[in-house]
Amino acid sequence: MKLFDDLDDFGSFDDAVAGDVRDPYPELARMWRDEPVQRLDFSDMPHDDAKPIFFVYRYDDIARVLRDNETFSSSIILDFFGDALGPHVMLGMDEPEHRRHRGLVAGAFSQKAIARREHGLVDRIANELVDQFARDGRADLVRQFTFPYPTQIIASLLGLPREDYPRFQRWSISLLSILTNRERGLAAAEALKQYFAPILADRRTDPHDDLISDLAVAEIDGERLSDEEIFSFLRLLLPAGVETTYRSTGSLLFGLLSHPDQLDAVRADRSLIPQAIEEAVRWEPPLLSITRVATRDTELSGVAIPAGSAVMPMLGSANREPERNPEPDRFDIFRSGRQHISYGHGVHICLGMHLARLEMRVALNTLLDRLPDLRLDPDGDDPHIHGQVFRSPTSLPVLFTPSA
């Protein structure tokens, strides 16, 4: 089975989705300093009512946008992803609808609930993936570990049969290409719906210990979720639970592997792993920006924003404010504070952040346990983090002493 369908390879997929931009941070820093709320007009557009777009670069302004969900609505998400994810996708909901839907699944993603999955699920999958290359003495950690890792975890949480993991991952890839290949993304959305339909029907009559069963029996104001509402949430898990986590894990590994002194410190003291994770998602958030729409005339830092305008908080800029994080471009797991906004803020703060942190912690512990002399391959392809919207390394060529 060819994992990437008509894509030539993983790199072409990643370039199509993320864009091949190595370092956006000098320009983000310039905008943060010179034009913290940037207005772009589209006067040459064919529609007279074309609204401007506002890019927001400073932490306090971004936190305000994400906190004030009445003025800055998430409904614009449906304009970009509604056709693929469905009309009931939680990312595109505002209050109180968002709160009701989030409440149905929040328990499954709580820190306590996620902790129960560490040894029976997350640890097992991490070790199974390492088993496939531990004897080789070399690997590409992106292709062979970080990319399949969260997909298999989500598939297992959903209770999907192991033999279906490859096609589930293939559909996941295709769904994520909706912005660059609409036909492909819509076909994947329909394929996922057809795949999940009989599973959901079975769970409604015979619940199992999995997330689909939890959704099947969940109720809002005494009414169960419709099939379409559940399909929307299941599709959302792919970009929300797979895309961002594989990118964050890759950037964490790149940061440590390219700073051997910090990697050695983590090897010697595993209690440093949580702060390494927070520094990695500050230094290179998996998603540089998100989108909101102004519901009414408002302003940010003295800049007037008309109702109906798209507003784009630039998370990558906020994370590198020098006042909050001195020498912000430096990867430093010993940094004090490590303030970041990579998981969002306010009511839409990332539902899966506890799972993401657990996955990254288990991934790093497993690799260090199984491959104690893990290091970058000096003769491998030039590893680097890239992307204009999504960011992560495309490859991580490594060497290590072969082991069982």
Protein backbone atom coordinates (compact mmCIF):
# COMPACT_ATOMS: atom_id res chain seq x y z
CA MET A 1 0.00 0.00 0.00
CA LYS A 2 1.47 3.36 -1.02
CA LEU A 3 1.04 5.57 2.01
CA PHE A 4 1.04 8.90 0.21
CA ASP A 5 -1.19 7.97 -2.74
CA ASP A 6 -0.36 10.31 -5.63
CA LEU A 7 2.15 12.35 -3.60
CA ASP A 8 5.71 11.67 -4.66
CA ASP A 9 6.95 11.50 -1.10
CA PHE A 10 6.50 12.91 2.37
CA GLY A 11 8.51 16.03 1.53
CA SER A 12 6.17 17.02 -1.30
CA PHE A 13 3.19 16.60 1.02
CA ASP A 14 4.81 18.73 3.70
CA ASP A 15 5.83 21.47 1.26
CA ALA A 16 2.29 21.58 -0.14
CA VAL A 17 0.67 21.93 3.28
CA ALA A 18 3.27 24.00 5.14
CA GLY A 19 5.16 25.98 2.52
CA ASP A 20 8.95 25.96 2.24
CA VAL A 21 9.88 28.97 4.39
CA ARG A 22 12.88 28.41 6.64
CA ASP A 23 12.95 31.47 8.86
CA PRO A 24 9.92 33.77 9.13
CA TYR A 25 11.09 35.20 12.45
CA PRO A 26 13.14 38.23 11.32
CA GLU A 27 10.09 39.56 9.47
CA LEU A 28 7.79 38.73 12.39
CA ALA A 29 10.17 40.59 14.71
CA ARG A 30 10.16 43.61 12.40
CA MET A 31 6.37 43.71 12.34
CA TRP A 32 6.18 43.24 16.11
CA ARG A 33 8.43 46.29 16.48
CA ASP A 34 7.16 48.56 13.69
CA GLU A 35 3.53 47.63 12.97
CA PRO A 36 2.11 45.41 15.74
CA VAL A 37 -1.36 45.46 14.19
CA GLN A 38 -0.95 45.34 10.42
CA ARG A 39 -3.81 46.18 8.04
CA LEU A 40 -3.85 44.75 4.53
CA ASP A 41 -6.42 46.16 2.12
CA PHE A 42 -7.73 44.53 -1.02
CA SER A 43 -8.99 47.53 -2.97
CA ASP A 44 -8.24 45.78 -6.25
CA MET A 45 -10.63 42.94 -5.43
CA PRO A 46 -13.73 42.67 -7.67
CA HIS A 47 -16.10 43.07 -4.70
CA ASP A 48 -16.54 46.58 -3.33
CA ASP A 49 -17.25 45.20 0.12
CA ALA A 50 -13.98 43.26 0.40
CA LYS A 51 -12.84 43.59 3.99
CA PRO A 52 -9.26 44.22 5.11
CA ILE A 53 -7.25 41.57 6.96
CA PHE A 54 -5.46 42.40 10.18
CA PHE A 55 -2.33 40.58 11.37
CA VAL A 56 -1.70 40.86 15.10
CA TYR A 57 1.87 40.42 16.34
CA ARG A 58 2.05 41.24 20.06
CA TYR A 59 1.29 38.88 22.93
CA ASP A 60 -1.14 41.11 24.85
CA ASP A 61 -3.17 41.93 21.74
CA ILE A 62 -3.26 38.28 20.71
CA ALA A 63 -4.36 37.19 24.18
CA ARG A 64 -7.16 39.77 24.02
CA VAL A 65 -8.34 38.50 20.64
CA LEU A 66 -8.40 34.90 21.81
CA ARG A 67 -10.01 35.77 25.14
CA ASP A 68 -12.78 37.98 23.71
CA ASN A 69 -14.74 35.42 21.72
CA GLU A 70 -17.77 37.73 21.47
CA THR A 71 -15.86 40.35 19.49
CA PHE A 72 -13.53 37.96 17.66
CA SER A 73 -15.52 34.97 16.44
CA SER A 74 -14.18 31.55 15.49
CA SER A 75 -16.92 31.07 12.88
CA ILE A 76 -14.51 32.05 10.10
CA ILE A 77 -12.89 28.61 10.52
CA LEU A 78 -15.91 27.17 8.72
CA ASP A 79 -15.10 29.31 5.66
CA PHE A 80 -11.75 27.54 5.35
CA PHE A 81 -12.45 24.03 6.61
CA GLY A 82 -16.23 23.62 6.88
CA ASP A 83 -16.57 21.70 3.63
CA ALA A 84 -14.02 19.13 4.76
CA LEU A 85 -14.55 18.95 8.52
CA GLY A 86 -18.32 19.46 8.47
CA PRO A 87 -20.70 22.21 9.64
CA HIS A 88 -20.53 21.16 13.30
CA VAL A 89 -16.78 21.42 13.81
CA MET A 90 -16.02 22.66 17.32
CA LEU A 91 -13.17 24.95 16.20
CA GLY A 92 -15.71 27.05 14.32
CA MET A 93 -18.20 27.36 17.18
CA ASP A 94 -18.72 30.30 19.51
CA GLU A 95 -20.29 30.33 22.96
CA PRO A 96 -22.54 28.86 24.24
CA GLU A 97 -22.60 26.17 21.53
CA HIS A 98 -18.86 25.63 21.80
CA ARG A 99 -19.01 25.12 25.57
CA ARG A 100 -21.72 22.49 25.30
CA HIS A 101 -19.90 20.47 22.65
CA ARG A 102 -16.51 20.80 24.32
CA GLY A 103 -17.99 19.64 27.61
CA LEU A 104 -18.99 16.34 26.03
CA VAL A 105 -15.43 15.36 25.19
CA ALA A 106 -13.35 17.37 27.66
CA GLY A 107 -13.35 14.51 30.17
CA ALA A 108 -11.73 12.14 27.67
CA PHE A 109 -8.86 14.63 27.19
CA SER A 110 -8.40 15.66 30.82
CA GLN A 111 -4.98 15.26 32.38
CA LYS A 112 -6.27 12.43 34.59
CA ALA A 113 -7.91 10.55 31.72
CA ILE A 114 -4.88 10.94 29.47
CA ALA A 115 -2.52 9.68 32.18
CA ARG A 116 -4.36 6.35 32.17
CA ARG A 117 -3.38 5.88 28.53
CA GLU A 118 0.37 6.31 29.03
CA HIS A 119 1.53 2.73 29.55
CA GLY A 120 -1.14 0.71 27.80
CA LEU A 121 -1.29 2.86 24.68
CA VAL A 122 1.19 5.71 24.18
CA ASP A 123 4.24 3.88 25.53
CA ARG A 124 3.36 0.75 23.55
CA ILE A 125 3.03 2.58 20.24
CA ALA A 126 6.28 4.50 20.78
CA ASN A 127 8.17 1.26 21.42
CA GLU A 128 6.57 -0.54 18.48
CA LEU A 129 7.73 2.21 16.14
CA VAL A 130 11.28 2.15 17.54
CA ASP A 131 11.27 -1.65 17.14
CA GLN A 132 11.03 -1.17 13.38
CA PHE A 133 14.38 0.63 13.07
CA ALA A 134 16.34 -0.01 16.30
CA ARG A 135 18.52 -2.67 14.62
CA ASP A 136 19.43 -0.44 11.67
CA GLY A 137 21.75 2.04 13.40
CA ARG A 138 20.19 4.91 11.47
CA ALA A 139 16.72 6.34 10.84
CA ASP A 140 14.77 9.36 9.72
CA LEU A 141 12.82 10.14 12.86
CA VAL A 142 10.20 12.18 11.01
CA ARG A 143 9.20 9.53 8.50
CA GLN A 144 9.71 6.56 10.79
CA PHE A 145 8.62 7.92 14.15
CA THR A 146 7.11 11.37 14.65
CA PHE A 147 4.74 11.26 11.68
CA PRO A 148 3.06 7.86 12.26
CA TYR A 149 3.20 8.16 16.07
CA PRO A 150 0.21 10.47 16.86
CA THR A 151 -1.90 9.00 14.06
CA GLN A 152 -1.64 5.54 15.58
CA ILE A 153 -2.44 6.92 19.03
CA ILE A 154 -5.59 8.71 17.81
CA ALA A 155 -6.66 5.63 15.84
CA SER A 156 -6.27 3.50 18.95
CA LEU A 157 -8.19 6.00 21.10
CA LEU A 158 -11.01 5.76 18.57
CA GLY A 159 -10.97 1.97 18.84
CA LEU A 160 -10.11 1.39 15.18
CA PRO A 161 -8.77 -2.02 14.11
CA ARG A 162 -4.99 -2.12 13.82
CA GLU A 163 -5.20 -3.31 10.21
CA ASP A 164 -7.00 -0.07 9.33
CA TYR A 165 -4.22 2.22 10.59
CA PRO A 166 -2.51 2.63 7.18
CA ARG A 167 -5.63 3.75 5.33
CA PHE A 168 -6.71 5.91 8.28
CA GLN A 169 -3.36 7.68 8.01
CA ARG A 170 -3.72 7.99 4.24
CA TRP A 171 -7.13 9.65 4.65
CA SER A 172 -5.69 11.89 7.35
CA ILE A 173 -3.01 13.13 4.95
CA SER A 174 -5.56 13.71 2.21
CA LEU A 175 -7.92 15.62 4.52
CA LEU A 176 -5.11 17.93 5.60
CA SER A 177 -4.46 18.86 1.97
CA ILE A 178 -7.88 20.60 1.69
CA LEU A 179 -6.25 24.04 1.36
CA THR A 180 -4.09 23.01 -1.59
CA ASN A 181 -6.17 20.26 -3.21
CA ARG A 182 -9.85 20.79 -2.54
CA GLU A 183 -11.06 17.76 -4.49
CA ARG A 184 -8.68 15.47 -2.67
CA GLY A 185 -9.64 16.87 0.73
CA LEU A 186 -13.38 16.53 0.10
CA ALA A 187 -12.95 12.96 -1.13
CA ALA A 188 -11.07 12.11 2.07
CA ALA A 189 -13.80 13.72 4.19
CA GLU A 190 -16.43 11.58 2.51
CA ALA A 191 -14.29 8.44 2.78
CA LEU A 192 -13.85 9.03 6.50
CA LYS A 193 -17.61 9.49 6.93
CA GLN A 194 -18.34 6.25 5.10
CA TYR A 195 -15.69 4.47 7.15
CA PHE A 196 -16.95 5.77 10.50
CA ALA A 197 -20.68 5.29 9.79
CA PRO A 198 -20.90 1.52 10.49
CA ILE A 199 -18.51 1.82 13.45
CA LEU A 200 -20.66 4.57 14.99
CA ALA A 201 -23.84 2.57 14.39
CA ASP A 202 -22.27 -0.39 16.19
CA ARG A 203 -21.11 1.75 19.14
CA ARG A 204 -24.60 3.22 19.58
CA THR A 205 -25.97 -0.26 20.30
CA ASP A 206 -22.84 -1.85 21.80
CA PRO A 207 -20.54 0.76 23.42
CA HIS A 208 -16.85 -0.11 23.83
CA ASP A 209 -14.08 1.51 25.84
CA ASP A 210 -13.16 4.04 23.18
CA LEU A 211 -13.78 7.65 22.18
CA ILE A 212 -16.34 6.85 19.48
CA SER A 213 -18.47 5.09 22.10
CA ASP A 214 -18.14 8.11 24.41
CA LEU A 215 -19.45 10.35 21.63
CA ALA A 216 -22.21 7.90 20.72
CA VAL A 217 -23.75 8.02 24.21
CA ALA A 218 -23.02 11.68 24.98
CA GLU A 219 -25.94 14.10 25.32
CA ILE A 220 -26.44 17.87 25.08
CA ASP A 221 -29.49 19.14 26.97
CA GLY A 222 -30.93 15.64 26.97
CA GLU A 223 -30.32 15.07 23.26
CA ARG A 224 -27.63 12.83 21.83
CA LEU A 225 -25.21 14.11 19.24
CA SER A 226 -26.28 13.47 15.66
CA ASP A 227 -24.17 11.34 13.37
CA GLU A 228 -23.07 14.46 11.47
CA GLU A 229 -21.96 16.19 14.67
CA ILE A 230 -19.88 13.16 15.60
CA PHE A 231 -18.40 12.88 12.11
CA SER A 232 -17.32 16.54 12.35
CA PHE A 233 -15.55 15.93 15.64
CA LEU A 234 -13.84 12.79 14.37
CA ARG A 235 -12.54 14.64 11.32
CA LEU A 236 -11.33 17.47 13.56
CA LEU A 237 -9.16 15.03 15.50
CA LEU A 238 -6.95 14.59 12.44
CA PRO A 239 -5.60 18.14 12.05
CA ALA A 240 -5.99 18.89 15.77
CA GLY A 241 -4.66 15.64 17.22
CA VAL A 242 -2.25 14.48 14.53
CA GLU A 243 -0.88 17.41 12.54
CA THR A 244 0.15 19.65 15.42
CA THR A 245 1.52 16.85 17.62
CA TYR A 246 3.77 15.28 15.00
CA ARG A 247 5.14 18.72 14.20
CA SER A 248 5.72 19.63 17.86
CA THR A 249 7.46 16.32 18.53
CA GLY A 250 9.72 16.78 15.51
CA SER A 251 10.69 20.31 16.55
CA LEU A 252 11.40 19.14 20.11
CA LEU A 253 13.74 16.45 18.80
CA PHE A 254 15.38 18.83 16.34
CA GLY A 255 15.97 21.42 19.06
CA LEU A 256 17.66 18.89 21.34
CA LEU A 257 19.61 17.04 18.63
CA SER A 258 20.96 20.31 17.26
CA HIS A 259 21.98 21.40 20.79
CA PRO A 260 23.90 18.32 22.05
CA ASP A 261 24.75 19.93 25.40
CA GLN A 262 21.06 20.33 26.20
CA LEU A 263 20.33 16.82 24.95
CA ASP A 264 23.04 15.49 27.27
CA ALA A 265 21.48 17.38 30.16
CA VAL A 266 18.10 15.76 29.45
CA ARG A 267 19.73 12.33 29.15
CA ALA A 268 21.24 12.79 32.59
CA ASP A 269 18.14 14.30 34.21
CA ARG A 270 14.78 13.30 32.75
CA SER A 271 13.00 15.75 35.06
CA LEU A 272 14.09 18.39 32.51
CA ILE A 273 11.78 16.95 29.86
CA PRO A 274 8.67 19.01 30.73
CA GLN A 275 10.58 22.29 30.44
CA ALA A 276 12.21 21.08 27.21
CA ILE A 277 8.73 20.47 25.80
CA GLU A 278 7.48 23.94 26.76
CA GLU A 279 10.59 25.57 25.31
CA ALA A 280 10.19 23.64 22.05
CA VAL A 281 6.57 24.71 21.52
CA ARG A 282 7.52 28.30 22.38
CA TRP A 283 10.54 28.33 20.08
CA GLU A 284 8.78 26.62 17.16
CA PRO A 285 5.00 26.41 17.54
CA PRO A 286 3.50 23.87 15.14
CA LEU A 287 1.09 26.53 13.92
CA LEU A 288 2.32 30.09 13.39
CA SER A 289 -1.07 31.76 13.16
CA ILE A 290 -4.80 31.23 13.60
CA THR A 291 -7.83 33.16 12.36
CA ARG A 292 -10.78 35.02 13.84
CA VAL A 293 -13.36 37.42 12.42
CA ALA A 294 -14.49 40.69 14.02
CA THR A 295 -18.21 40.57 14.83
CA ARG A 296 -18.41 44.34 15.38
CA ASP A 297 -16.36 47.46 14.90
CA THR A 298 -13.49 47.38 17.38
CA GLU A 299 -9.82 48.33 17.78
CA LEU A 300 -6.50 46.84 18.80
CA SER A 301 -3.61 49.03 19.95
CA GLY A 302 -5.35 52.06 18.46
CA VAL A 303 -5.95 50.45 15.05
CA ALA A 304 -9.61 50.45 13.99
CA ILE A 305 -10.94 47.08 12.87
CA PRO A 306 -14.25 47.10 10.96
CA ALA A 307 -16.84 44.41 11.59
CA GLY A 308 -16.45 41.46 9.23
CA SER A 309 -12.67 41.77 8.95
CA ALA A 310 -10.46 38.71 9.33
CA VAL A 311 -8.06 38.98 12.26
CA MET A 312 -4.98 36.75 12.35
CA PRO A 313 -3.10 36.41 15.64
CA MET A 314 0.52 35.53 14.85
CA LEU A 315 1.41 33.07 17.60
CA GLY A 316 4.99 32.71 16.45
CA SER A 317 5.57 36.43 16.89
CA ALA A 318 4.05 36.54 20.39
CA ASN A 319 6.22 33.63 21.52
CA ARG A 320 9.38 35.53 20.63
CA GLU A 321 8.72 38.81 22.36
CA PRO A 322 12.12 39.76 23.85
CA GLU A 323 10.51 41.32 26.94
CA ARG A 324 8.94 37.98 27.83
CA ASN A 325 11.73 35.73 26.59
CA PRO A 326 15.19 37.35 26.38
CA GLU A 327 17.18 36.21 23.34
CA PRO A 328 13.94 34.74 21.99
CA ASP A 329 15.45 33.12 18.89
CA ARG A 330 17.67 30.88 21.01
CA PHE A 331 16.49 27.36 21.92
CA ASP A 332 17.17 27.11 25.65
CA ILE A 333 15.48 24.53 27.86
CA PHE A 334 16.88 26.34 30.92
CA ARG A 335 15.07 29.56 30.02
CA SER A 336 13.14 31.00 32.96
CA GLY A 337 9.47 31.64 32.39
CA ARG A 338 9.16 30.21 28.87
CA GLN A 339 5.96 32.14 28.28
CA HIS A 340 4.17 31.06 25.13
CA ILE A 341 0.73 31.03 23.61
CA SER A 342 1.17 28.05 21.27
CA TYR A 343 -1.80 26.17 22.75
CA GLY A 344 -4.04 29.19 22.33
CA HIS A 345 -5.87 31.11 25.03
CA GLY A 346 -9.39 31.53 26.34
CA VAL A 347 -12.31 29.19 25.63
CA HIS A 348 -10.61 27.63 22.61
CA ILE A 349 -7.39 26.72 24.40
CA CYS A 350 -6.17 23.44 22.92
CA LEU A 351 -8.32 20.55 24.13
CA GLY A 352 -5.57 18.07 23.36
CA MET A 353 -2.63 19.84 25.01
CA HIS A 354 -2.37 17.29 27.83
CA LEU A 355 -2.26 14.45 25.30
CA ALA A 356 0.30 16.32 23.19
CA ARG A 357 2.56 16.87 26.19
CA LEU A 358 2.24 13.22 27.20
CA GLU A 359 3.05 12.04 23.67
CA MET A 360 6.14 14.24 23.48
CA ARG A 361 7.35 13.15 26.92
CA VAL A 362 6.88 9.46 26.14
CA ALA A 363 8.50 9.87 22.71
CA LEU A 364 11.61 11.49 24.14
CA ASN A 365 11.92 9.05 27.04
CA THR A 366 11.49 6.06 24.71
CA LEU A 367 14.09 7.25 22.21
CA LEU A 368 16.63 8.01 24.95
CA ASP A 369 15.99 4.67 26.66
CA ARG A 370 16.19 2.60 23.50
CA LEU A 371 18.85 4.60 21.61
CA PRO A 372 21.11 6.09 24.30
CA ASP A 373 23.70 7.52 21.88
CA LEU A 374 21.12 9.07 19.52
CA ARG A 375 22.63 11.90 17.45
CA LEU A 376 22.16 13.73 14.17
CA ASP A 377 23.68 12.05 11.14
CA PRO A 378 26.37 14.48 9.88
CA ASP A 379 26.09 13.00 6.39
CA GLY A 380 22.29 13.10 6.27
CA ASP A 381 20.17 15.58 4.34
CA ASP A 382 20.28 19.09 5.79
CA PRO A 383 17.68 18.91 8.58
CA HIS A 384 15.86 22.15 9.26
CA ILE A 385 12.51 23.43 10.42
CA HIS A 386 10.40 25.06 7.76
CA GLY A 387 6.89 26.23 7.03
CA GLN A 388 4.90 29.43 6.58
CA VAL A 389 1.81 28.33 8.52
CA PHE A 390 2.58 24.86 9.88
CA ARG A 391 6.19 24.40 11.01
CA SER A 392 8.34 21.35 11.69
CA PRO A 393 11.38 19.53 10.30
CA THR A 394 10.77 17.54 7.12
CA SER A 395 13.50 15.06 8.07
CA LEU A 396 15.60 14.14 11.09
CA PRO A 397 18.40 11.80 9.95
CA VAL A 398 19.98 10.21 13.02
CA LEU A 399 22.62 7.65 13.95
CA PHE A 400 22.77 5.35 16.97
CA THR A 401 24.24 2.04 18.07
CA PRO A 402 21.98 -0.74 16.76
CA SER A 403 20.00 -2.49 19.48
CA ALA A 404 17.32 -5.14 19.82
